[in-house]
Amino acid sequence: QVQLVESGGGLVQPGGSLRLSCAASGSVFGIATRGWFRQAPGKERESVAAISWSGGNTYYADSVKGRFTISRDNAKNTLYLQMNSLEPEDTAVYYCSYTDLDSHSYWGPGTKVTVSS
């Protein structure tokens, strides 16, 4: 079992930056991929970014390429999402997710990001 807790969300003006963190506890053995998802009001949850356990492979949604950076610190069991040049369209609840080799996914409770002037 893996327990995930996100932090770092909040209110930011357009053009601003936030850094989200996802702290993991429990057994991370067998975790293959870690990622960030978001769900805006009235919309389906969508994948934002993902990173392999080794960090050698990353994925970004087209809407965030060049603005968001996913990273991880395996020693601290923490996943990060650096978000720059934020836009109102980035407003959503952001979730981190760990997926194991059996394709079972673990989710955190989410952290809310609001981009507004």
PDB file of N, CA and C in Angstrom:
ATOM      1  N   GLN A   1       0.837  -1.198   0.000  1.00  0.00           N
ATOM      2  CA  GLN A   1       0.000   0.000   0.000  1.00  0.00           C
ATOM      3  C   GLN A   1       0.866   1.241   0.000  1.00  0.00           C
ATOM      4  N   VAL A   2       0.418   2.221  -0.733  1.00  0.00           N
ATOM      5  CA  VAL A   2       1.106   3.505  -0.811  1.00  0.00           C
ATOM      6  C   VAL A   2       0.119   4.601  -0.416  1.00  0.00           C
ATOM      7  N   GLN A   3       0.555   5.477   0.440  1.00  0.00           N
ATOM      8  CA  GLN A   3      -0.258   6.632   0.816  1.00  0.00           C
ATOM      9  C   GLN A   3       0.406   7.880   0.245  1.00  0.00           C
ATOM     10  N   LEU A   4      -0.402   8.723  -0.380  1.00  0.00           N
ATOM     11  CA  LEU A   4       0.096   9.923  -1.030  1.00  0.00           C
ATOM     12  C   LEU A   4      -0.599  11.157  -0.480  1.00  0.00           C
ATOM     13  N   VAL A   5       0.164  12.216  -0.277  1.00  0.00           N
ATOM     14  CA  VAL A   5      -0.404  13.477   0.197  1.00  0.00           C
ATOM     15  C   VAL A   5       0.216  14.617  -0.598  1.00  0.00           C
ATOM     16  N   GLU A   6      -0.638  15.369  -1.274  1.00  0.00           N
ATOM     17  CA  GLU A   6      -0.175  16.516  -2.036  1.00  0.00           C
ATOM     18  C   GLU A   6      -0.157  17.777  -1.182  1.00  0.00           C
ATOM     19  N   SER A   7       0.698  18.726  -1.557  1.00  0.00           N
ATOM     20  CA  SER A   7       0.735  20.033  -0.906  1.00  0.00           C
ATOM     21  C   SER A   7       1.271  21.052  -1.907  1.00  0.00           C
ATOM     22  N   GLY A   8       1.119  22.318  -1.547  1.00  0.00           N
ATOM     23  CA  GLY A   8       1.680  23.382  -2.377  1.00  0.00           C
ATOM     24  C   GLY A   8       0.683  24.141  -3.215  1.00  0.00           C
ATOM     25  N   GLY A   9      -0.569  23.731  -3.199  1.00  0.00           N
ATOM     26  CA  GLY A   9      -1.573  24.447  -3.967  1.00  0.00           C
ATOM     27  C   GLY A   9      -1.907  25.784  -3.323  1.00  0.00           C
ATOM     28  N   GLY A  10      -2.689  26.575  -4.044  1.00  0.00           N
ATOM     29  CA  GLY A  10      -3.088  27.868  -3.511  1.00  0.00           C
ATOM     30  C   GLY A  10      -3.573  28.784  -4.601  1.00  0.00           C
ATOM     31  N   LEU A  11      -3.686  30.061  -4.244  1.00  0.00           N
ATOM     32  CA  LEU A  11      -4.134  31.089  -5.181  1.00  0.00           C
ATOM     33  C   LEU A  11      -2.916  31.822  -5.735  1.00  0.00           C
ATOM     34  N   VAL A  12      -2.860  31.945  -7.043  1.00  0.00           N
ATOM     35  CA  VAL A  12      -1.735  32.629  -7.682  1.00  0.00           C
ATOM     36  C   VAL A  12      -2.268  33.454  -8.847  1.00  0.00           C
ATOM     37  N   GLN A  13      -1.604  34.553  -9.133  1.00  0.00           N
ATOM     38  CA  GLN A  13      -2.009  35.393 -10.247  1.00  0.00           C
ATOM     39  C   GLN A  13      -1.529  34.796 -11.568  1.00  0.00           C
ATOM     40  N   PRO A  14      -2.222  35.118 -12.650  1.00  0.00           N
ATOM     41  CA  PRO A  14      -1.744  34.656 -13.965  1.00  0.00           C
ATOM     42  C   PRO A  14      -0.292  35.076 -14.197  1.00  0.00           C
ATOM     43  N   GLY A  15       0.485  34.146 -14.742  1.00  0.00           N
ATOM     44  CA  GLY A  15       1.902  34.386 -14.945  1.00  0.00           C
ATOM     45  C   GLY A  15       2.770  33.963 -13.783  1.00  0.00           C
ATOM     46  N   GLY A  16       2.143  33.626 -12.680  1.00  0.00           N
ATOM     47  CA  GLY A  16       2.885  33.237 -11.489  1.00  0.00           C
ATOM     48  C   GLY A  16       3.304  31.774 -11.506  1.00  0.00           C
ATOM     49  N   SER A  17       3.909  31.361 -10.404  1.00  0.00           N
ATOM     50  CA  SER A  17       4.441  29.998 -10.296  1.00  0.00           C
ATOM     51  C   SER A  17       4.005  29.357  -8.985  1.00  0.00           C
ATOM     52  N   LEU A  18       3.923  28.043  -9.023  1.00  0.00           N
ATOM     53  CA  LEU A  18       3.694  27.237  -7.828  1.00  0.00           C
ATOM     54  C   LEU A  18       4.488  25.952  -7.957  1.00  0.00           C
ATOM     55  N   ARG A  19       4.855  25.388  -6.833  1.00  0.00           N
ATOM     56  CA  ARG A  19       5.511  24.089  -6.822  1.00  0.00           C
ATOM     57  C   ARG A  19       4.693  23.142  -5.968  1.00  0.00           C
ATOM     58  N   LEU A  20       4.177  22.122  -6.598  1.00  0.00           N
ATOM     59  CA  LEU A  20       3.420  21.105  -5.887  1.00  0.00           C
ATOM     60  C   LEU A  20       4.354  19.982  -5.442  1.00  0.00           C
ATOM     61  N   SER A  21       4.045  19.420  -4.286  1.00  0.00           N
ATOM     62  CA  SER A  21       4.791  18.282  -3.772  1.00  0.00           C
ATOM     63  C   SER A  21       3.823  17.139  -3.479  1.00  0.00           C
ATOM     64  N   CYS A  22       4.326  15.933  -3.598  1.00  0.00           N
ATOM     65  CA  CYS A  22       3.533  14.744  -3.283  1.00  0.00           C
ATOM     66  C   CYS A  22       4.421  13.828  -2.455  1.00  0.00           C
ATOM     67  N   ALA A  23       4.095  13.720  -1.172  1.00  0.00           N
ATOM     68  CA  ALA A  23       4.867  12.879  -0.273  1.00  0.00           C
ATOM     69  C   ALA A  23       4.252  11.483  -0.222  1.00  0.00           C
ATOM     70  N   ALA A  24       5.083  10.489  -0.386  1.00  0.00           N
ATOM     71  CA  ALA A  24       4.620   9.107  -0.373  1.00  0.00           C
ATOM     72  C   ALA A  24       5.097   8.399   0.885  1.00  0.00           C
ATOM     73  N   SER A  25       4.250   7.541   1.418  1.00  0.00           N
ATOM     74  CA  SER A  25       4.621   6.692   2.535  1.00  0.00           C
ATOM     75  C   SER A  25       4.114   5.276   2.241  1.00  0.00           C
ATOM     76  N   GLY A  26       4.656   4.338   2.982  1.00  0.00           N
ATOM     77  CA  GLY A  26       4.309   2.953   2.705  1.00  0.00           C
ATOM     78  C   GLY A  26       5.305   2.348   1.740  1.00  0.00           C
ATOM     79  N   SER A  27       4.962   1.212   1.199  1.00  0.00           N
ATOM     80  CA  SER A  27       5.872   0.503   0.312  1.00  0.00           C
ATOM     81  C   SER A  27       5.752   1.000  -1.124  1.00  0.00           C
ATOM     82  N   VAL A  28       6.850   1.528  -1.642  1.00  0.00           N
ATOM     83  CA  VAL A  28       6.876   1.988  -3.033  1.00  0.00           C
ATOM     84  C   VAL A  28       7.551   0.958  -3.931  1.00  0.00           C
ATOM     85  N   PHE A  29       7.805  -0.223  -3.373  1.00  0.00           N
ATOM     86  CA  PHE A  29       8.395  -1.279  -4.173  1.00  0.00           C
ATOM     87  C   PHE A  29       7.439  -1.659  -5.286  1.00  0.00           C
ATOM     88  N   GLY A  30       7.949  -1.740  -6.508  1.00  0.00           N
ATOM     89  CA  GLY A  30       7.102  -2.119  -7.624  1.00  0.00           C
ATOM     90  C   GLY A  30       6.391  -0.963  -8.308  1.00  0.00           C
ATOM     91  N   ILE A  31       6.631   0.238  -7.827  1.00  0.00           N
ATOM     92  CA  ILE A  31       6.030   1.397  -8.484  1.00  0.00           C
ATOM     93  C   ILE A  31       6.792   1.684  -9.777  1.00  0.00           C
ATOM     94  N   ALA A  32       6.077   1.767 -10.874  1.00  0.00           N
ATOM     95  CA  ALA A  32       6.713   1.956 -12.176  1.00  0.00           C
ATOM     96  C   ALA A  32       6.648   3.396 -12.659  1.00  0.00           C
ATOM     97  N   THR A  33       5.514   4.032 -12.415  1.00  0.00           N
ATOM     98  CA  THR A  33       5.307   5.378 -12.960  1.00  0.00           C
ATOM     99  C   THR A  33       4.644   6.256 -11.911  1.00  0.00           C
ATOM    100  N   ARG A  34       5.046   7.506 -11.905  1.00  0.00           N
ATOM    101  CA  ARG A  34       4.412   8.503 -11.034  1.00  0.00           C
ATOM    102  C   ARG A  34       3.960   9.668 -11.900  1.00  0.00           C
ATOM    103  N   GLY A  35       2.848  10.247 -11.521  1.00  0.00           N
ATOM    104  CA  GLY A  35       2.344  11.322 -12.367  1.00  0.00           C
ATOM    105  C   GLY A  35       1.461  12.301 -11.634  1.00  0.00           C
ATOM    106  N   TRP A  36       1.171  13.374 -12.326  1.00  0.00           N
ATOM    107  CA  TRP A  36       0.253  14.404 -11.847  1.00  0.00           C
ATOM    108  C   TRP A  36      -0.951  14.463 -12.785  1.00  0.00           C
ATOM    109  N   PHE A  37      -2.111  14.566 -12.196  1.00  0.00           N
ATOM    110  CA  PHE A  37      -3.355  14.727 -12.927  1.00  0.00           C
ATOM    111  C   PHE A  37      -4.060  15.965 -12.389  1.00  0.00           C
ATOM    112  N   ARG A  38      -5.032  16.440 -13.115  1.00  0.00           N
ATOM    113  CA  ARG A  38      -5.835  17.557 -12.617  1.00  0.00           C
ATOM    114  C   ARG A  38      -7.273  17.409 -13.079  1.00  0.00           C
ATOM    115  N   GLN A  39      -8.149  18.016 -12.293  1.00  0.00           N
ATOM    116  CA  GLN A  39      -9.569  18.009 -12.643  1.00  0.00           C
ATOM    117  C   GLN A  39     -10.142  19.390 -12.382  1.00  0.00           C
ATOM    118  N   ALA A  40     -10.550  20.024 -13.452  1.00  0.00           N
ATOM    119  CA  ALA A  40     -11.174  21.337 -13.355  1.00  0.00           C
ATOM    120  C   ALA A  40     -12.674  21.162 -13.130  1.00  0.00           C
ATOM    121  N   PRO A  41     -13.326  22.169 -12.567  1.00  0.00           N
ATOM    122  CA  PRO A  41     -14.773  22.072 -12.325  1.00  0.00           C
ATOM    123  C   PRO A  41     -15.537  21.737 -13.602  1.00  0.00           C
ATOM    124  N   GLY A  42     -16.354  20.709 -13.535  1.00  0.00           N
ATOM    125  CA  GLY A  42     -17.170  20.330 -14.670  1.00  0.00           C
ATOM    126  C   GLY A  42     -16.444  19.567 -15.758  1.00  0.00           C
ATOM    127  N   LYS A  43     -15.187  19.232 -15.510  1.00  0.00           N
ATOM    128  CA  LYS A  43     -14.405  18.523 -16.527  1.00  0.00           C
ATOM    129  C   LYS A  43     -13.897  17.199 -15.975  1.00  0.00           C
ATOM    130  N   GLU A  44     -13.483  16.334 -16.893  1.00  0.00           N
ATOM    131  CA  GLU A  44     -12.923  15.062 -16.482  1.00  0.00           C
ATOM    132  C   GLU A  44     -11.478  15.228 -16.027  1.00  0.00           C
ATOM    133  N   ARG A  45     -11.034  14.293 -15.211  1.00  0.00           N
ATOM    134  CA  ARG A  45      -9.645  14.305 -14.772  1.00  0.00           C
ATOM    135  C   ARG A  45      -8.744  14.040 -15.976  1.00  0.00           C
ATOM    136  N   GLU A  46      -7.650  14.788 -16.063  1.00  0.00           N
ATOM    137  CA  GLU A  46      -6.732  14.625 -17.178  1.00  0.00           C
ATOM    138  C   GLU A  46      -5.301  14.493 -16.683  1.00  0.00           C
ATOM    139  N   SER A  47      -4.511  13.791 -17.470  1.00  0.00           N
ATOM    140  CA  SER A  47      -3.104  13.635 -17.142  1.00  0.00           C
ATOM    141  C   SER A  47      -2.352  14.906 -17.497  1.00  0.00           C
ATOM    142  N   VAL A  48      -1.488  15.333 -16.602  1.00  0.00           N
ATOM    143  CA  VAL A  48      -0.700  16.549 -16.805  1.00  0.00           C
ATOM    144  C   VAL A  48       0.754  16.206 -17.119  1.00  0.00           C
ATOM    145  N   ALA A  49       1.333  15.344 -16.307  1.00  0.00           N
ATOM    146  CA  ALA A  49       2.731  14.979 -16.484  1.00  0.00           C
ATOM    147  C   ALA A  49       2.971  13.642 -15.799  1.00  0.00           C
ATOM    148  N   ALA A  50       3.987  12.935 -16.274  1.00  0.00           N
ATOM    149  CA  ALA A  50       4.342  11.650 -15.680  1.00  0.00           C
ATOM    150  C   ALA A  50       5.839  11.444 -15.807  1.00  0.00           C
ATOM    151  N   ILE A  51       6.356  10.600 -14.921  1.00  0.00           N
ATOM    152  CA  ILE A  51       7.782  10.321 -14.927  1.00  0.00           C
ATOM    153  C   ILE A  51       7.992   8.873 -14.514  1.00  0.00           C
ATOM    154  N   SER A  52       8.937   8.214 -15.170  1.00  0.00           N
ATOM    155  CA  SER A  52       9.253   6.844 -14.807  1.00  0.00           C
ATOM    156  C   SER A  52       9.994   6.826 -13.478  1.00  0.00           C
ATOM    157  N   TRP A  53      10.072   5.658 -12.856  1.00  0.00           N
ATOM    158  CA  TRP A  53      10.733   5.564 -11.565  1.00  0.00           C
ATOM    159  C   TRP A  53      12.186   6.047 -11.633  1.00  0.00           C
ATOM    160  N   SER A  54      12.861   5.680 -12.719  1.00  0.00           N
ATOM    161  CA  SER A  54      14.261   6.080 -12.866  1.00  0.00           C
ATOM    162  C   SER A  54      14.411   7.560 -13.213  1.00  0.00           C
ATOM    163  N   GLY A  55      13.327   8.142 -13.699  1.00  0.00           N
ATOM    164  CA  GLY A  55      13.389   9.535 -14.119  1.00  0.00           C
ATOM    165  C   GLY A  55      13.831   9.712 -15.557  1.00  0.00           C
ATOM    166  N   GLY A  56      14.112   8.607 -16.220  1.00  0.00           N
ATOM    167  CA  GLY A  56      14.619   8.691 -17.574  1.00  0.00           C
ATOM    168  C   GLY A  56      13.581   9.008 -18.629  1.00  0.00           C
ATOM    169  N   ASN A  57      12.335   8.794 -18.297  1.00  0.00           N
ATOM    170  CA  ASN A  57      11.249   9.058 -19.243  1.00  0.00           C
ATOM    171  C   ASN A  57      10.223   9.977 -18.612  1.00  0.00           C
ATOM    172  N   THR A  58       9.840  10.993 -19.358  1.00  0.00           N
ATOM    173  CA  THR A  58       8.821  11.924 -18.889  1.00  0.00           C
ATOM    174  C   THR A  58       7.766  12.128 -19.961  1.00  0.00           C
ATOM    175  N   TYR A  59       6.601  12.548 -19.503  1.00  0.00           N
ATOM    176  CA  TYR A  59       5.488  12.864 -20.396  1.00  0.00           C
ATOM    177  C   TYR A  59       4.853  14.154 -19.915  1.00  0.00           C
ATOM    178  N   TYR A  60       4.464  14.985 -20.875  1.00  0.00           N
ATOM    179  CA  TYR A  60       3.736  16.218 -20.551  1.00  0.00           C
ATOM    180  C   TYR A  60       2.555  16.367 -21.504  1.00  0.00           C
ATOM    181  N   ALA A  61       1.449  16.788 -20.974  1.00  0.00           N
ATOM    182  CA  ALA A  61       0.324  17.149 -21.824  1.00  0.00           C
ATOM    183  C   ALA A  61       0.710  18.365 -22.660  1.00  0.00           C
ATOM    184  N   ASP A  62       0.184  18.450 -23.852  1.00  0.00           N
ATOM    185  CA  ASP A  62       0.528  19.558 -24.747  1.00  0.00           C
ATOM    186  C   ASP A  62       0.242  20.912 -24.101  1.00  0.00           C
ATOM    187  N   SER A  63      -0.800  20.957 -23.299  1.00  0.00           N
ATOM    188  CA  SER A  63      -1.217  22.225 -22.711  1.00  0.00           C
ATOM    189  C   SER A  63      -0.239  22.766 -21.675  1.00  0.00           C
ATOM    190  N   VAL A  64       0.685  21.926 -21.186  1.00  0.00           N
ATOM    191  CA  VAL A  64       1.604  22.387 -20.144  1.00  0.00           C
ATOM    192  C   VAL A  64       3.066  22.305 -20.564  1.00  0.00           C
ATOM    193  N   LYS A  65       3.321  21.782 -21.753  1.00  0.00           N
ATOM    194  CA  LYS A  65       4.713  21.662 -22.218  1.00  0.00           C
ATOM    195  C   LYS A  65       5.400  23.018 -22.226  1.00  0.00           C
ATOM    196  N   GLY A  66       6.617  23.028 -21.696  1.00  0.00           N
ATOM    197  CA  GLY A  66       7.382  24.262 -21.648  1.00  0.00           C
ATOM    198  C   GLY A  66       7.081  25.130 -20.437  1.00  0.00           C
ATOM    199  N   ARG A  67       6.029  24.787 -19.710  1.00  0.00           N
ATOM    200  CA  ARG A  67       5.657  25.566 -18.526  1.00  0.00           C
ATOM    201  C   ARG A  67       5.776  24.759 -17.235  1.00  0.00           C
ATOM    202  N   PHE A  68       5.472  23.474 -17.295  1.00  0.00           N
ATOM    203  CA  PHE A  68       5.505  22.611 -16.116  1.00  0.00           C
ATOM    204  C   PHE A  68       6.696  21.662 -16.200  1.00  0.00           C
ATOM    205  N   THR A  69       7.244  21.328 -15.040  1.00  0.00           N
ATOM    206  CA  THR A  69       8.337  20.362 -14.970  1.00  0.00           C
ATOM    207  C   THR A  69       8.069  19.376 -13.849  1.00  0.00           C
ATOM    208  N   ILE A  70       8.095  18.098 -14.186  1.00  0.00           N
ATOM    209  CA  ILE A  70       7.911  17.049 -13.179  1.00  0.00           C
ATOM    210  C   ILE A  70       9.290  16.542 -12.768  1.00  0.00           C
ATOM    211  N   SER A  71       9.442  16.291 -11.469  1.00  0.00           N
ATOM    212  CA  SER A  71      10.705  15.752 -10.970  1.00  0.00           C
ATOM    213  C   SER A  71      10.422  14.906  -9.746  1.00  0.00           C
ATOM    214  N   ARG A  72      11.433  14.169  -9.323  1.00  0.00           N
ATOM    215  CA  ARG A  72      11.235  13.326  -8.147  1.00  0.00           C
ATOM    216  C   ARG A  72      12.516  13.238  -7.354  1.00  0.00           C
ATOM    217  N   ASP A  73      12.348  12.982  -6.069  1.00  0.00           N
ATOM    218  CA  ASP A  73      13.465  12.735  -5.168  1.00  0.00           C
ATOM    219  C   ASP A  73      13.187  11.386  -4.523  1.00  0.00           C
ATOM    220  N   ASN A  74      13.803  10.345  -5.055  1.00  0.00           N
ATOM    221  CA  ASN A  74      13.520   9.000  -4.555  1.00  0.00           C
ATOM    222  C   ASN A  74      13.947   8.830  -3.100  1.00  0.00           C
ATOM    223  N   ALA A  75      14.998   9.515  -2.712  1.00  0.00           N
ATOM    224  CA  ALA A  75      15.475   9.398  -1.329  1.00  0.00           C
ATOM    225  C   ALA A  75      14.448   9.948  -0.341  1.00  0.00           C
ATOM    226  N   LYS A  76      13.702  10.942  -0.787  1.00  0.00           N
ATOM    227  CA  LYS A  76      12.684  11.552   0.072  1.00  0.00           C
ATOM    228  C   LYS A  76      11.287  11.021  -0.234  1.00  0.00           C
ATOM    229  N   ASN A  77      11.195  10.107  -1.203  1.00  0.00           N
ATOM    230  CA  ASN A  77       9.881   9.585  -1.614  1.00  0.00           C
ATOM    231  C   ASN A  77       8.918  10.722  -1.941  1.00  0.00           C
ATOM    232  N   THR A  78       9.404  11.672  -2.681  1.00  0.00           N
ATOM    233  CA  THR A  78       8.597  12.858  -2.989  1.00  0.00           C
ATOM    234  C   THR A  78       8.615  13.140  -4.485  1.00  0.00           C
ATOM    235  N   LEU A  79       7.441  13.481  -4.982  1.00  0.00           N
ATOM    236  CA  LEU A  79       7.255  13.859  -6.373  1.00  0.00           C
ATOM    237  C   LEU A  79       6.923  15.340  -6.424  1.00  0.00           C
ATOM    238  N   TYR A  80       7.432  16.026  -7.431  1.00  0.00           N
ATOM    239  CA  TYR A  80       7.215  17.470  -7.538  1.00  0.00           C
ATOM    240  C   TYR A  80       6.612  17.835  -8.894  1.00  0.00           C
ATOM    241  N   LEU A  81       5.933  18.968  -8.903  1.00  0.00           N
ATOM    242  CA  LEU A  81       5.482  19.551 -10.157  1.00  0.00           C
ATOM    243  C   LEU A  81       5.726  21.050 -10.068  1.00  0.00           C
ATOM    244  N   GLN A  82       6.714  21.535 -10.789  1.00  0.00           N
ATOM    245  CA  GLN A  82       6.983  22.963 -10.865  1.00  0.00           C
ATOM    246  C   GLN A  82       6.125  23.545 -11.977  1.00  0.00           C
ATOM    247  N   MET A  83       5.294  24.502 -11.621  1.00  0.00           N
ATOM    248  CA  MET A  83       4.375  25.105 -12.565  1.00  0.00           C
ATOM    249  C   MET A  83       4.706  26.584 -12.726  1.00  0.00           C
ATOM    250  N   ASN A  84       5.097  26.957 -13.929  1.00  0.00           N
ATOM    251  CA  ASN A  84       5.431  28.348 -14.236  1.00  0.00           C
ATOM    252  C   ASN A  84       4.452  28.916 -15.260  1.00  0.00           C
ATOM    253  N   SER A  85       4.454  30.208 -15.389  1.00  0.00           N
ATOM    254  CA  SER A  85       3.586  30.895 -16.364  1.00  0.00           C
ATOM    255  C   SER A  85       2.149  30.378 -16.277  1.00  0.00           C
ATOM    256  N   LEU A  86       1.653  30.339 -15.071  1.00  0.00           N
ATOM    257  CA  LEU A  86       0.319  29.775 -14.868  1.00  0.00           C
ATOM    258  C   LEU A  86      -0.753  30.628 -15.538  1.00  0.00           C
ATOM    259  N   GLU A  87      -1.765  29.925 -16.036  1.00  0.00           N
ATOM    260  CA  GLU A  87      -2.878  30.553 -16.735  1.00  0.00           C
ATOM    261  C   GLU A  87      -4.182  30.206 -16.003  1.00  0.00           C
ATOM    262  N   PRO A  88      -5.197  31.035 -16.181  1.00  0.00           N
ATOM    263  CA  PRO A  88      -6.490  30.706 -15.536  1.00  0.00           C
ATOM    264  C   PRO A  88      -6.977  29.297 -15.883  1.00  0.00           C
ATOM    265  N   GLU A  89      -6.637  28.835 -17.084  1.00  0.00           N
ATOM    266  CA  GLU A  89      -7.052  27.491 -17.511  1.00  0.00           C
ATOM    267  C   GLU A  89      -6.373  26.381 -16.716  1.00  0.00           C
ATOM    268  N   ASP A  90      -5.354  26.711 -15.943  1.00  0.00           N
ATOM    269  CA  ASP A  90      -4.683  25.723 -15.110  1.00  0.00           C
ATOM    270  C   ASP A  90      -5.405  25.521 -13.777  1.00  0.00           C
ATOM    271  N   THR A  91      -6.415  26.309 -13.522  1.00  0.00           N
ATOM    272  CA  THR A  91      -7.178  26.173 -12.282  1.00  0.00           C
ATOM    273  C   THR A  91      -7.826  24.798 -12.215  1.00  0.00           C
ATOM    274  N   ALA A  92      -7.537  24.076 -11.140  1.00  0.00           N
ATOM    275  CA  ALA A  92      -8.041  22.714 -10.998  1.00  0.00           C
ATOM    276  C   ALA A  92      -7.588  22.161  -9.652  1.00  0.00           C
ATOM    277  N   VAL A  93      -8.111  21.010  -9.317  1.00  0.00           N
ATOM    278  CA  VAL A  93      -7.559  20.228  -8.217  1.00  0.00           C
ATOM    279  C   VAL A  93      -6.509  19.296  -8.834  1.00  0.00           C
ATOM    280  N   TYR A  94      -5.321  19.338  -8.266  1.00  0.00           N
ATOM    281  CA  TYR A  94      -4.213  18.547  -8.780  1.00  0.00           C
ATOM    282  C   TYR A  94      -3.999  17.331  -7.891  1.00  0.00           C
ATOM    283  N   TYR A  95      -3.870  16.178  -8.537  1.00  0.00           N
ATOM    284  CA  TYR A  95      -3.683  14.919  -7.839  1.00  0.00           C
ATOM    285  C   TYR A  95      -2.376  14.267  -8.274  1.00  0.00           C
ATOM    286  N   CYS A  96      -1.689  13.649  -7.344  1.00  0.00           N
ATOM    287  CA  CYS A  96      -0.566  12.810  -7.748  1.00  0.00           C
ATOM    288  C   CYS A  96      -1.022  11.366  -7.719  1.00  0.00           C
ATOM    289  N   SER A  97      -0.359  10.564  -8.514  1.00  0.00           N
ATOM    290  CA  SER A  97      -0.724   9.160  -8.650  1.00  0.00           C
ATOM    291  C   SER A  97       0.520   8.328  -8.864  1.00  0.00           C
ATOM    292  N   TYR A  98       0.555   7.200  -8.178  1.00  0.00           N
ATOM    293  CA  TYR A  98       1.603   6.212  -8.375  1.00  0.00           C
ATOM    294  C   TYR A  98       0.959   4.973  -8.995  1.00  0.00           C
ATOM    295  N   THR A  99       1.590   4.414 -10.003  1.00  0.00           N
ATOM    296  CA  THR A  99       1.081   3.207 -10.654  1.00  0.00           C
ATOM    297  C   THR A  99       2.124   2.107 -10.570  1.00  0.00           C
ATOM    298  N   ASP A 100       1.684   0.929 -10.130  1.00  0.00           N
ATOM    299  CA  ASP A 100       2.650  -0.155  -9.981  1.00  0.00           C
ATOM    300  C   ASP A 100       2.715  -1.019 -11.242  1.00  0.00           C
ATOM    301  N   LEU A 101       3.542  -2.039 -11.181  1.00  0.00           N
ATOM    302  CA  LEU A 101       3.772  -2.886 -12.349  1.00  0.00           C
ATOM    303  C   LEU A 101       2.533  -3.697 -12.738  1.00  0.00           C
ATOM    304  N   ASP A 102       1.572  -3.812 -11.823  1.00  0.00           N
ATOM    305  CA  ASP A 102       0.302  -4.486 -12.131  1.00  0.00           C
ATOM    306  C   ASP A 102      -0.763  -3.500 -12.596  1.00  0.00           C
ATOM    307  N   SER A 103      -0.336  -2.265 -12.863  1.00  0.00           N
ATOM    308  CA  SER A 103      -1.233  -1.200 -13.329  1.00  0.00           C
ATOM    309  C   SER A 103      -2.249  -0.772 -12.286  1.00  0.00           C
ATOM    310  N   HIS A 104      -1.953  -1.045 -11.031  1.00  0.00           N
ATOM    311  CA  HIS A 104      -2.805  -0.540  -9.951  1.00  0.00           C
ATOM    312  C   HIS A 104      -2.332   0.857  -9.584  1.00  0.00           C
ATOM    313  N   SER A 105      -3.259   1.794  -9.477  1.00  0.00           N
ATOM    314  CA  SER A 105      -2.906   3.180  -9.187  1.00  0.00           C
ATOM    315  C   SER A 105      -3.336   3.590  -7.804  1.00  0.00           C
ATOM    316  N   TYR A 106      -2.473   4.360  -7.165  1.00  0.00           N
ATOM    317  CA  TYR A 106      -2.757   4.965  -5.868  1.00  0.00           C
ATOM    318  C   TYR A 106      -2.906   6.459  -6.081  1.00  0.00           C
ATOM    319  N   TRP A 107      -3.815   7.083  -5.319  1.00  0.00           N
ATOM    320  CA  TRP A 107      -4.104   8.500  -5.495  1.00  0.00           C
ATOM    321  C   TRP A 107      -4.037   9.253  -4.178  1.00  0.00           C
ATOM    322  N   GLY A 108      -3.609  10.511  -4.260  1.00  0.00           N
ATOM    323  CA  GLY A 108      -3.700  11.387  -3.119  1.00  0.00           C
ATOM    324  C   GLY A 108      -5.041  12.094  -3.105  1.00  0.00           C
ATOM    325  N   PRO A 109      -5.339  12.848  -2.036  1.00  0.00           N
ATOM    326  CA  PRO A 109      -6.622  13.550  -1.919  1.00  0.00           C
ATOM    327  C   PRO A 109      -6.710  14.801  -2.776  1.00  0.00           C
ATOM    328  N   GLY A 110      -5.571  15.279  -3.276  1.00  0.00           N
ATOM    329  CA  GLY A 110      -5.572  16.439  -4.153  1.00  0.00           C
ATOM    330  C   GLY A 110      -5.236  17.737  -3.439  1.00  0.00           C
ATOM    331  N   THR A 111      -4.759  18.695  -4.221  1.00  0.00           N
ATOM    332  CA  THR A 111      -4.496  20.046  -3.729  1.00  0.00           C
ATOM    333  C   THR A 111      -5.037  21.031  -4.765  1.00  0.00           C
ATOM    334  N   LYS A 112      -5.716  22.065  -4.299  1.00  0.00           N
ATOM    335  CA  LYS A 112      -6.394  22.976  -5.196  1.00  0.00           C
ATOM    336  C   LYS A 112      -5.482  24.094  -5.651  1.00  0.00           C
ATOM    337  N   VAL A 113      -5.493  24.337  -6.948  1.00  0.00           N
ATOM    338  CA  VAL A 113      -4.742  25.440  -7.540  1.00  0.00           C
ATOM    339  C   VAL A 113      -5.735  26.379  -8.214  1.00  0.00           C
ATOM    340  N   THR A 114      -5.673  27.635  -7.835  1.00  0.00           N
ATOM    341  CA  THR A 114      -6.535  28.648  -8.440  1.00  0.00           C
ATOM    342  C   THR A 114      -5.667  29.742  -9.031  1.00  0.00           C
ATOM    343  N   VAL A 115      -5.836  29.970 -10.316  1.00  0.00           N
ATOM    344  CA  VAL A 115      -5.085  31.015 -11.013  1.00  0.00           C
ATOM    345  C   VAL A 115      -6.065  32.124 -11.367  1.00  0.00           C
ATOM    346  N   SER A 116      -5.922  33.248 -10.696  1.00  0.00           N
ATOM    347  CA  SER A 116      -6.878  34.333 -10.873  1.00  0.00           C
ATOM    348  C   SER A 116      -6.258  35.647 -10.428  1.00  0.00           C
ATOM    349  N   SER A 117      -6.667  36.718 -11.097  1.00  0.00           N
ATOM    350  CA  SER A 117      -6.208  38.033 -10.685  1.00  0.00           C
ATOM    351  C   SER A 117      -7.207  38.668  -9.734  1.00  0.00           C
TER     352      SER A 117
END
